């Protein structure tokens, strides 16, 4: 896309930490499952041994699912790069001429325990595709200012 103007790295690495933690827990559960199925333990009895193996299997499935979903989440959190002719996000690249509007939207989520309001930076293309970046992962006010400055410079040239 040309010359790089500015690079924004994600500020939140929690999905990556959750991925590795869940993967370690799943591995430990699988190791415990294999041990419980292979070993003969007269102390606890065969029925309890199978029950523990079953619980370890369910733990491995839950941790494996958490690892997979955390990996999917971390795949959509990446570097945002502003170029002279366009912007590149984890959702793809777009030229400034193809952007209809950019703005910050407030996403209100009413939960049982607390109200979680998050700001979202939305970059909308003419094709209808939207690049949505959360304040939990990026400094969206700085990103929006830099994006608008880059758009104005591209329009003036």
C-alpha atoms as a PDB file:
ATOM      1  CA  UNK A   1       0.000   0.000   0.000  1.00  0.00           C
ATOM      2  CA  UNK A   2       2.954   2.308   0.088  1.00  0.00           C
ATOM      3  CA  UNK A   3       4.705   4.231   2.804  1.00  0.00           C
ATOM      4  CA  UNK A   4       3.855   3.400   6.408  1.00  0.00           C
ATOM      5  CA  UNK A   5       2.566   6.413   8.364  1.00  0.00           C
ATOM      6  CA  UNK A   6       1.833   4.844  11.747  1.00  0.00           C
ATOM      7  CA  UNK A   7       1.567   1.408  13.372  1.00  0.00           C
ATOM      8  CA  UNK A   8      -0.806   0.557  16.237  1.00  0.00           C
ATOM      9  CA  UNK A   9      -0.115  -2.618  18.198  1.00  0.00           C
ATOM     10  CA  UNK A  10      -2.830  -4.250  20.347  1.00  0.00           C
ATOM     11  CA  UNK A  11      -2.675  -3.219  23.991  1.00  0.00           C
ATOM     12  CA  UNK A  12      -4.473  -6.295  25.346  1.00  0.00           C
ATOM     13  CA  UNK A  13      -2.948  -9.772  25.158  1.00  0.00           C
ATOM     14  CA  UNK A  14      -5.518 -11.575  27.352  1.00  0.00           C
ATOM     15  CA  UNK A  15      -6.845 -13.894  24.598  1.00  0.00           C
ATOM     16  CA  UNK A  16      -3.291 -15.116  24.023  1.00  0.00           C
ATOM     17  CA  UNK A  17      -2.736 -15.785  27.733  1.00  0.00           C
ATOM     18  CA  UNK A  18      -6.102 -17.531  27.972  1.00  0.00           C
ATOM     19  CA  UNK A  19      -5.174 -19.679  24.967  1.00  0.00           C
ATOM     20  CA  UNK A  20      -1.917 -20.913  26.506  1.00  0.00           C
ATOM     21  CA  UNK A  21      -3.455 -21.428  29.945  1.00  0.00           C
ATOM     22  CA  UNK A  22      -6.357 -23.438  28.533  1.00  0.00           C
ATOM     23  CA  UNK A  23      -3.964 -25.455  26.372  1.00  0.00           C
ATOM     24  CA  UNK A  24      -1.817 -26.353  29.403  1.00  0.00           C
ATOM     25  CA  UNK A  25      -4.921 -27.334  31.407  1.00  0.00           C
ATOM     26  CA  UNK A  26      -6.192 -29.473  28.514  1.00  0.00           C
ATOM     27  CA  UNK A  27      -2.796 -31.181  28.232  1.00  0.00           C
ATOM     28  CA  UNK A  28      -2.719 -31.883  31.969  1.00  0.00           C
ATOM     29  CA  UNK A  29      -6.249 -33.307  31.856  1.00  0.00           C
ATOM     30  CA  UNK A  30      -5.346 -35.554  28.915  1.00  0.00           C
ATOM     31  CA  UNK A  31      -2.201 -36.748  30.694  1.00  0.00           C
ATOM     32  CA  UNK A  32      -4.240 -37.475  33.830  1.00  0.00           C
ATOM     33  CA  UNK A  33      -6.880 -39.249  31.728  1.00  0.00           C
ATOM     34  CA  UNK A  34      -4.299 -41.518  30.085  1.00  0.00           C
ATOM     35  CA  UNK A  35      -2.745 -42.256  33.473  1.00  0.00           C
ATOM     36  CA  UNK A  36      -6.123 -43.080  35.047  1.00  0.00           C
ATOM     37  CA  UNK A  37      -7.074 -45.428  32.195  1.00  0.00           C
ATOM     38  CA  UNK A  38      -3.695 -47.220  32.121  1.00  0.00           C
ATOM     39  CA  UNK A  39      -2.986 -47.587  35.836  1.00  0.00           C
ATOM     40  CA  UNK A  40      -4.503 -50.195  38.090  1.00  0.00           C
ATOM     41  CA  UNK A  41      -5.386 -48.790  41.488  1.00  0.00           C
ATOM     42  CA  UNK A  42      -6.950 -51.153  43.961  1.00  0.00           C
ATOM     43  CA  UNK A  43      -7.123 -48.433  46.633  1.00  0.00           C
ATOM     44  CA  UNK A  44      -9.838 -46.364  44.968  1.00  0.00           C
ATOM     45  CA  UNK A  45     -11.642 -49.056  43.003  1.00  0.00           C
ATOM     46  CA  UNK A  46     -12.352 -49.393  39.311  1.00  0.00           C
ATOM     47  CA  UNK A  47     -15.632 -47.436  39.372  1.00  0.00           C
ATOM     48  CA  UNK A  48     -14.066 -44.392  41.020  1.00  0.00           C
ATOM     49  CA  UNK A  49     -11.101 -44.632  38.674  1.00  0.00           C
ATOM     50  CA  UNK A  50     -13.423 -44.520  35.655  1.00  0.00           C
ATOM     51  CA  UNK A  51     -15.401 -41.656  37.200  1.00  0.00           C
ATOM     52  CA  UNK A  52     -12.207 -39.634  37.668  1.00  0.00           C
ATOM     53  CA  UNK A  53     -11.186 -40.478  34.087  1.00  0.00           C
ATOM     54  CA  UNK A  54     -14.569 -39.266  32.847  1.00  0.00           C
ATOM     55  CA  UNK A  55     -14.242 -35.985  34.774  1.00  0.00           C
ATOM     56  CA  UNK A  56     -10.749 -35.493  33.367  1.00  0.00           C
ATOM     57  CA  UNK A  57     -12.141 -36.083  29.858  1.00  0.00           C
ATOM     58  CA  UNK A  58     -14.813 -33.416  30.381  1.00  0.00           C
ATOM     59  CA  UNK A  59     -12.169 -31.047  31.768  1.00  0.00           C
ATOM     60  CA  UNK A  60     -10.007 -31.657  28.701  1.00  0.00           C
ATOM     61  CA  UNK A  61     -12.962 -30.968  26.394  1.00  0.00           C
ATOM     62  CA  UNK A  62     -13.854 -27.724  28.201  1.00  0.00           C
ATOM     63  CA  UNK A  63     -10.251 -26.514  28.271  1.00  0.00           C
ATOM     64  CA  UNK A  64      -9.744 -27.503  24.633  1.00  0.00           C
ATOM     65  CA  UNK A  65     -12.867 -25.587  23.618  1.00  0.00           C
ATOM     66  CA  UNK A  66     -11.695 -22.558  25.584  1.00  0.00           C
ATOM     67  CA  UNK A  67      -8.290 -22.749  23.912  1.00  0.00           C
ATOM     68  CA  UNK A  68      -9.897 -22.946  20.467  1.00  0.00           C
ATOM     69  CA  UNK A  69     -12.221 -19.988  21.083  1.00  0.00           C
ATOM     70  CA  UNK A  70      -9.377 -17.932  22.588  1.00  0.00           C
ATOM     71  CA  UNK A  71      -7.301 -18.686  19.504  1.00  0.00           C
ATOM     72  CA  UNK A  72     -10.153 -17.484  17.272  1.00  0.00           C
ATOM     73  CA  UNK A  73     -10.394 -14.277  19.289  1.00  0.00           C
ATOM     74  CA  UNK A  74      -6.650 -13.607  19.239  1.00  0.00           C
ATOM     75  CA  UNK A  75      -6.646 -14.177  15.472  1.00  0.00           C
ATOM     76  CA  UNK A  76      -8.831 -11.057  15.054  1.00  0.00           C
ATOM     77  CA  UNK A  77      -6.599  -8.891  17.247  1.00  0.00           C
ATOM     78  CA  UNK A  78      -3.523  -7.769  15.366  1.00  0.00           C
ATOM     79  CA  UNK A  79      -1.526  -4.825  14.170  1.00  0.00           C
ATOM     80  CA  UNK A  80      -3.316  -1.864  12.579  1.00  0.00           C
ATOM     81  CA  UNK A  81      -1.102  -0.082  10.065  1.00  0.00           C
ATOM     82  CA  UNK A  82      -1.841   3.284   8.471  1.00  0.00           C
ATOM     83  CA  UNK A  83      -0.306   3.718   5.027  1.00  0.00           C
ATOM     84  CA  UNK A  84      -0.176   6.701   2.701  1.00  0.00           C
ATOM     85  CA  UNK A  85      -2.949   5.239   0.503  1.00  0.00           C
ATOM     86  CA  UNK A  86      -4.953   3.134   2.972  1.00  0.00           C
ATOM     87  CA  UNK A  87      -5.244   1.253   6.228  1.00  0.00           C
ATOM     88  CA  UNK A  88      -4.575  -2.391   7.074  1.00  0.00           C
ATOM     89  CA  UNK A  89      -6.439  -4.068   9.968  1.00  0.00           C
ATOM     90  CA  UNK A  90      -6.764  -7.712  11.030  1.00  0.00           C
ATOM     91  CA  UNK A  91      -9.958  -7.754   8.916  1.00  0.00           C
ATOM     92  CA  UNK A  92      -8.133  -6.784   5.721  1.00  0.00           C
ATOM     93  CA  UNK A  93      -6.834  -3.744   3.870  1.00  0.00           C
ATOM     94  CA  UNK A  94      -8.836  -0.832   2.508  1.00  0.00           C
ATOM     95  CA  UNK A  95      -7.885   2.258   0.525  1.00  0.00           C
ATOM     96  CA  UNK A  96      -8.976   5.652   1.856  1.00  0.00           C
ATOM     97  CA  UNK A  97     -11.173   6.265  -1.219  1.00  0.00           C
ATOM     98  CA  UNK A  98     -13.209   3.155  -0.348  1.00  0.00           C
ATOM     99  CA  UNK A  99     -14.009   4.263   3.209  1.00  0.00           C
ATOM    100  CA  UNK A 100     -17.524   5.691   3.632  1.00  0.00           C
ATOM    101  CA  UNK A 101     -17.289   6.651   7.283  1.00  0.00           C
ATOM    102  CA  UNK A 102     -15.196   6.219  10.378  1.00  0.00           C
ATOM    103  CA  UNK A 103     -16.378   6.855  13.882  1.00  0.00           C
ATOM    104  CA  UNK A 104     -16.546   5.746  17.468  1.00  0.00           C
ATOM    105  CA  UNK A 105     -19.686   3.958  18.604  1.00  0.00           C
ATOM    106  CA  UNK A 106     -20.684   3.165  22.179  1.00  0.00           C
ATOM    107  CA  UNK A 107     -21.608  -0.493  22.667  1.00  0.00           C
ATOM    108  CA  UNK A 108     -23.838  -0.855  25.727  1.00  0.00           C
ATOM    109  CA  UNK A 109     -24.089  -4.288  27.295  1.00  0.00           C
ATOM    110  CA  UNK A 110     -26.378  -4.686  30.266  1.00  0.00           C
ATOM    111  CA  UNK A 111     -25.293  -7.625  32.351  1.00  0.00           C
ATOM    112  CA  UNK A 112     -26.588  -9.020  35.587  1.00  0.00           C
ATOM    113  CA  UNK A 113     -23.763  -7.694  37.736  1.00  0.00           C
ATOM    114  CA  UNK A 114     -22.405  -4.622  35.954  1.00  0.00           C
ATOM    115  CA  UNK A 115     -23.061  -2.483  32.917  1.00  0.00           C
ATOM    116  CA  UNK A 116     -20.206  -2.872  30.452  1.00  0.00           C
ATOM    117  CA  UNK A 117     -19.994   0.038  28.029  1.00  0.00           C
ATOM    118  CA  UNK A 118     -17.243  -0.268  25.431  1.00  0.00           C
ATOM    119  CA  UNK A 119     -16.250   2.116  22.705  1.00  0.00           C
ATOM    120  CA  UNK A 120     -15.779   0.658  19.247  1.00  0.00           C
ATOM    121  CA  UNK A 121     -13.962   2.224  16.305  1.00  0.00           C
ATOM    122  CA  UNK A 122     -15.891   1.361  13.150  1.00  0.00           C
ATOM    123  CA  UNK A 123     -14.347   1.766   9.691  1.00  0.00           C
ATOM    124  CA  UNK A 124     -17.041   1.189   7.072  1.00  0.00           C
ATOM    125  CA  UNK A 125     -16.211   0.435   3.447  1.00  0.00           C
ATOM    126  CA  UNK A 126     -18.332   1.195   0.369  1.00  0.00           C
ATOM    127  CA  UNK A 127     -18.775  -2.557  -0.157  1.00  0.00           C
ATOM    128  CA  UNK A 128     -20.521  -2.808   3.242  1.00  0.00           C
ATOM    129  CA  UNK A 129     -17.640  -4.479   5.048  1.00  0.00           C
ATOM    130  CA  UNK A 130     -16.910  -3.090   8.511  1.00  0.00           C
ATOM    131  CA  UNK A 131     -13.645  -3.134  10.431  1.00  0.00           C
ATOM    132  CA  UNK A 132     -14.556  -3.024  14.140  1.00  0.00           C
ATOM    133  CA  UNK A 133     -11.795  -2.317  16.660  1.00  0.00           C
ATOM    134  CA  UNK A 134     -12.463  -2.297  20.409  1.00  0.00           C
ATOM    135  CA  UNK A 135     -11.059   0.092  22.998  1.00  0.00           C
ATOM    136  CA  UNK A 136     -10.151  -2.990  25.026  1.00  0.00           C
ATOM    137  CA  UNK A 137      -7.516  -3.840  22.406  1.00  0.00           C
ATOM    138  CA  UNK A 138      -6.484  -0.532  20.806  1.00  0.00           C
ATOM    139  CA  UNK A 139      -6.120   3.169  21.705  1.00  0.00           C
ATOM    140  CA  UNK A 140      -9.055   4.026  19.452  1.00  0.00           C
ATOM    141  CA  UNK A 141      -9.089   7.804  20.027  1.00  0.00           C
ATOM    142  CA  UNK A 142      -5.472   8.080  18.857  1.00  0.00           C
ATOM    143  CA  UNK A 143      -6.168   5.660  16.027  1.00  0.00           C
ATOM    144  CA  UNK A 144      -9.200   7.644  14.843  1.00  0.00           C
ATOM    145  CA  UNK A 145      -7.258  10.929  14.909  1.00  0.00           C
ATOM    146  CA  UNK A 146      -4.357   9.449  12.970  1.00  0.00           C
ATOM    147  CA  UNK A 147      -6.750   7.793  10.504  1.00  0.00           C
ATOM    148  CA  UNK A 148      -8.619  11.046   9.805  1.00  0.00           C
ATOM    149  CA  UNK A 149      -5.340  12.961   9.373  1.00  0.00           C
ATOM    150  CA  UNK A 150      -4.087  10.334   6.938  1.00  0.00           C
ATOM    151  CA  UNK A 151      -7.407  10.447   5.029  1.00  0.00           C
ATOM    152  CA  UNK A 152      -7.215  14.245   4.728  1.00  0.00           C
ATOM    153  CA  UNK A 153      -3.616  14.096   3.495  1.00  0.00           C
ATOM    154  CA  UNK A 154      -4.581  11.436   0.925  1.00  0.00           C
ATOM    155  CA  UNK A 155      -7.532  13.545  -0.307  1.00  0.00           C
ATOM    156  CA  UNK A 156      -5.371  16.672  -0.637  1.00  0.00           C
ATOM    157  CA  UNK A 157      -2.733  14.880  -2.725  1.00  0.00           C
END
